[in-house]
Amino acid sequence: MRKKERVLKAVERLQKLYPDAICSLEYSDAFQLLVATRLSAQCTDKRVNMVTPDLFREFPTAEKMANADVSRVEELIKTCGLYKTKAKDLVNLSRSLMENFGGKVPDTIEELITLSGVGRKTANLLCGDIYKKPAVVTDTHFIRICNRLGFVDTTNPLKVETEMRKLLPPDKSNDFCHRTVLFGRDVCTARKALCDNCILNDVCPKKGVK
């Protein structure tokens, strides 16, 4: 079975397993998703979702956040870890949004990565979830699973993104990334691949795929 065929089978199987796969971060608009994603670095989505309600009550827009006292933002996000760096990034990226984009979150990866603390993973998430563009969000689950399934042979996020863009149907790529997160938590975990309960055994090289 060729790699492209195996990828398409994986897309189809995970769609059936997780039909409603969406980002687990809670937000109401593009700015809030941008903020929540920045907070999620080295922090669980569950913890971020506990922090953002109070944060967004006080700073619901880029304009409000751009004028925030960094120490107040630090106080509100302290339990997310790396809070000093994240607080500075949130204020600085908000200022950039106001100064360079009229307060609106841009819709291209190239523009998004100019914002403080925003890398390609976050940029892809915004482009996919908010602007419905083809996106490949290379989080740790996605990278691990794509390697285990033999779709890629690298842990470099940019290389994984580039290679998987060639293999994934553009209209399915973003949802596939969300589904691999759930699959990576439930079945193909970092500690151990639970192969006996895996619906992808026939597309996995470790299970005898030729």
Protein backbone atom coordinates (compact mmCIF):
# COMPACT_ATOMS: atom_id res chain seq x y z
CA MET A 1 0.00 0.00 0.00
CA ARG A 2 1.45 3.35 -1.01
CA LYS A 3 1.98 6.11 1.56
CA LYS A 4 -0.71 8.35 0.04
CA GLU A 5 -3.23 5.51 0.22
CA ARG A 6 -2.36 4.82 3.84
CA VAL A 7 -2.78 8.50 4.70
CA LEU A 8 -6.22 8.60 3.08
CA LYS A 9 -7.27 5.50 5.01
CA ALA A 10 -6.09 7.08 8.25
CA VAL A 11 -8.05 10.25 7.45
CA GLU A 12 -11.19 8.23 6.82
CA ARG A 13 -10.83 6.01 9.91
CA LEU A 14 -10.16 8.85 12.33
CA GLN A 15 -13.06 10.82 10.89
CA LYS A 16 -15.37 7.94 11.77
CA LEU A 17 -13.81 7.52 15.21
CA TYR A 18 -13.92 11.25 16.03
CA PRO A 19 -16.64 12.79 13.86
CA ASP A 20 -16.86 16.00 15.89
CA ALA A 21 -13.17 16.64 16.43
CA ILE A 22 -12.57 20.29 17.27
CA CYS A 23 -9.97 22.28 19.12
CA SER A 24 -10.37 21.73 22.86
CA LEU A 25 -9.49 25.33 23.69
CA GLU A 26 -12.51 27.50 24.51
CA TYR A 27 -12.86 30.83 22.69
CA SER A 28 -15.42 33.07 21.02
CA ASP A 29 -13.39 34.77 18.29
CA ALA A 30 -10.04 34.83 16.50
CA PHE A 31 -8.32 36.99 19.09
CA GLN A 32 -9.35 34.75 21.96
CA LEU A 33 -8.15 31.63 20.13
CA LEU A 34 -4.83 33.35 19.46
CA VAL A 35 -4.45 34.19 23.14
CA ALA A 36 -5.53 30.75 24.33
CA THR A 37 -3.14 29.03 21.95
CA ARG A 38 -0.23 31.13 23.17
CA LEU A 39 -1.12 30.20 26.75
CA SER A 40 -1.26 26.50 25.87
CA ALA A 41 2.49 26.23 25.29
CA GLN A 42 3.80 23.68 27.82
CA CYS A 43 0.40 23.78 29.50
CA THR A 44 -2.71 21.64 29.20
CA ASP A 45 -5.78 22.90 27.34
CA LYS A 46 -7.79 22.10 30.47
CA ARG A 47 -5.71 24.50 32.53
CA VAL A 48 -5.90 27.20 29.85
CA ASN A 49 -9.69 26.90 29.79
CA MET A 50 -9.72 27.50 33.54
CA VAL A 51 -7.66 30.68 33.18
CA THR A 52 -9.14 32.37 30.11
CA PRO A 53 -12.64 33.25 31.42
CA ASP A 54 -11.24 35.77 33.92
CA LEU A 55 -8.61 36.94 31.44
CA PHE A 56 -11.15 37.57 28.70
CA ARG A 57 -13.57 39.27 31.07
CA GLU A 58 -10.91 41.87 31.74
CA PHE A 59 -9.19 41.90 28.33
CA PRO A 60 -11.66 40.63 25.71
CA THR A 61 -10.14 42.39 22.70
CA ALA A 62 -6.77 43.25 21.20
CA GLU A 63 -7.37 46.90 22.06
CA LYS A 64 -7.96 46.13 25.74
CA MET A 65 -4.98 43.75 25.93
CA ALA A 66 -2.69 46.21 24.14
CA ASN A 67 -3.30 48.72 26.96
CA ALA A 68 -2.99 46.17 29.75
CA ASP A 69 -0.48 46.34 32.56
CA VAL A 70 1.79 43.32 32.01
CA SER A 71 1.86 42.61 35.74
CA ARG A 72 -1.93 42.30 35.77
CA VAL A 73 -1.84 39.86 32.86
CA GLU A 74 0.84 37.89 34.72
CA GLU A 75 -1.42 37.67 37.74
CA LEU A 76 -4.33 36.33 35.70
CA ILE A 77 -2.33 33.68 33.80
CA LYS A 78 0.17 32.67 36.50
CA THR A 79 -0.99 29.05 36.74
CA CYS A 80 -0.32 28.45 33.03
CA GLY A 81 3.45 28.35 33.50
CA LEU A 82 6.04 30.55 31.79
CA TYR A 83 3.60 33.29 32.70
CA LYS A 84 6.05 36.20 32.57
CA THR A 85 7.06 35.48 28.97
CA LYS A 86 3.49 34.72 27.95
CA ALA A 87 2.15 37.92 29.52
CA LYS A 88 4.69 40.04 27.63
CA ASP A 89 3.86 38.21 24.40
CA LEU A 90 0.11 38.73 24.85
CA VAL A 91 0.50 42.46 25.38
CA ASN A 92 3.05 42.84 22.58
CA LEU A 93 1.11 40.79 20.03
CA SER A 94 -2.00 42.82 20.87
CA ARG A 95 -0.11 46.03 20.25
CA SER A 96 1.08 44.65 16.91
CA LEU A 97 -2.48 43.75 16.00
CA MET A 98 -3.60 47.30 16.72
CA GLU A 99 -0.66 48.99 15.02
CA ASN A 100 -0.29 46.77 11.96
CA PHE A 101 -3.60 45.00 11.38
CA GLY A 102 -6.28 47.38 12.62
CA GLY A 103 -6.97 45.16 15.62
CA LYS A 104 -7.90 42.19 13.42
CA VAL A 105 -6.14 38.84 13.57
CA PRO A 106 -4.53 38.30 10.13
CA ASP A 107 -5.44 35.28 8.01
CA THR A 108 -2.05 34.22 6.64
CA ILE A 109 0.76 32.25 8.24
CA GLU A 110 3.29 34.80 7.03
CA GLU A 111 1.54 37.65 8.83
CA LEU A 112 0.65 35.69 11.95
CA ILE A 113 4.23 34.64 12.66
CA THR A 114 5.25 38.30 12.84
CA LEU A 115 3.33 38.50 16.12
CA SER A 116 5.19 38.10 19.41
CA GLY A 117 5.29 34.46 20.55
CA VAL A 118 3.41 33.12 17.53
CA GLY A 119 4.98 30.25 15.59
CA ARG A 120 3.79 28.18 12.66
CA LYS A 121 1.79 25.77 14.82
CA THR A 122 -0.33 28.57 16.23
CA ALA A 123 -0.55 30.27 12.84
CA ASN A 124 -1.79 27.07 11.21
CA LEU A 125 -4.41 26.60 13.91
CA LEU A 126 -5.77 30.11 13.37
CA CYS A 127 -5.78 29.74 9.59
CA GLY A 128 -7.57 26.40 9.81
CA ASP A 129 -10.07 26.91 12.62
CA ILE A 130 -10.93 30.56 12.07
CA TYR A 131 -10.37 31.17 8.38
CA LYS A 132 -11.10 27.62 7.12
CA LYS A 133 -7.91 27.40 5.11
CA PRO A 134 -5.92 24.18 4.61
CA ALA A 135 -3.72 23.86 7.68
CA VAL A 136 -1.35 21.39 9.30
CA VAL A 137 -0.96 21.90 13.04
CA THR A 138 2.21 20.09 14.06
CA ASP A 139 1.67 19.53 17.75
CA THR A 140 3.52 16.75 19.61
CA HIS A 141 0.73 14.18 19.10
CA PHE A 142 0.60 14.85 15.37
CA ILE A 143 4.37 14.57 14.96
CA ARG A 144 4.55 11.35 16.99
CA ILE A 145 1.70 9.64 15.19
CA CYS A 146 2.81 10.64 11.70
CA ASN A 147 6.21 9.14 12.49
CA ARG A 148 4.80 5.95 13.98
CA LEU A 149 2.56 5.45 10.96
CA GLY A 150 5.51 5.98 8.64
CA PHE A 151 4.08 9.07 6.97
CA VAL A 152 7.21 11.06 7.85
CA ASP A 153 10.66 10.30 9.19
CA THR A 154 11.47 13.51 11.03
CA THR A 155 10.49 15.30 14.21
CA ASN A 156 11.26 18.74 12.79
CA PRO A 157 7.88 20.54 12.89
CA LEU A 158 8.39 22.49 9.66
CA LYS A 159 9.49 19.38 7.76
CA VAL A 160 6.52 17.42 9.13
CA GLU A 161 4.17 20.22 8.11
CA THR A 162 5.68 20.43 4.62
CA GLU A 163 5.59 16.67 4.00
CA MET A 164 2.08 16.19 5.36
CA ARG A 165 0.71 19.05 3.24
CA LYS A 166 1.74 16.97 0.23
CA LEU A 167 -0.06 13.88 1.53
CA LEU A 168 -3.25 15.18 3.15
CA PRO A 169 -6.34 16.31 1.22
CA PRO A 170 -6.39 20.10 1.78
CA ASP A 171 -10.03 20.10 2.90
CA LYS A 172 -9.34 17.38 5.48
CA SER A 173 -5.96 18.43 6.82
CA ASN A 174 -7.02 20.68 9.68
CA ASP A 175 -9.62 18.27 11.06
CA PHE A 176 -7.16 15.39 10.73
CA CYS A 177 -4.73 17.27 12.98
CA HIS A 178 -7.41 17.71 15.65
CA ARG A 179 -8.31 14.05 15.40
CA THR A 180 -4.72 12.91 15.84
CA VAL A 181 -4.61 14.84 19.13
CA LEU A 182 -7.56 12.83 20.43
CA PHE A 183 -6.16 9.61 18.98
CA GLY A 184 -2.78 10.38 20.55
CA ARG A 185 -4.39 10.81 23.96
CA ASP A 186 -6.62 7.75 23.72
CA VAL A 187 -4.73 5.11 21.74
CA CYS A 188 -1.34 6.00 20.28
CA THR A 189 -0.06 7.54 23.49
CA ALA A 190 3.40 8.91 24.12
CA ARG A 191 4.08 6.27 26.73
CA LYS A 192 2.82 3.31 24.73
CA ALA A 193 1.02 2.59 21.48
CA LEU A 194 -2.07 0.54 22.37
CA CYS A 195 -1.93 -1.47 19.16
CA ASP A 196 -4.46 -4.11 20.25
CA ASN A 197 -7.16 -1.43 20.28
CA CYS A 198 -6.02 0.49 17.20
CA ILE A 199 -8.19 0.98 14.11
CA LEU A 200 -5.11 1.85 12.06
CA ASN A 201 -3.27 -1.45 12.41
CA ASP A 202 -3.58 -2.25 8.71
CA VAL A 203 -1.99 1.06 7.69
CA CYS A 204 0.77 1.01 10.29
CA PRO A 205 4.25 -0.24 9.31
CA LYS A 206 4.69 -1.66 12.79
CA LYS A 207 1.81 -4.00 12.04
CA GLY A 208 3.26 -5.52 8.89
CA VAL A 209 2.32 -2.98 6.25
CA LYS A 210 4.46 -3.44 3.16
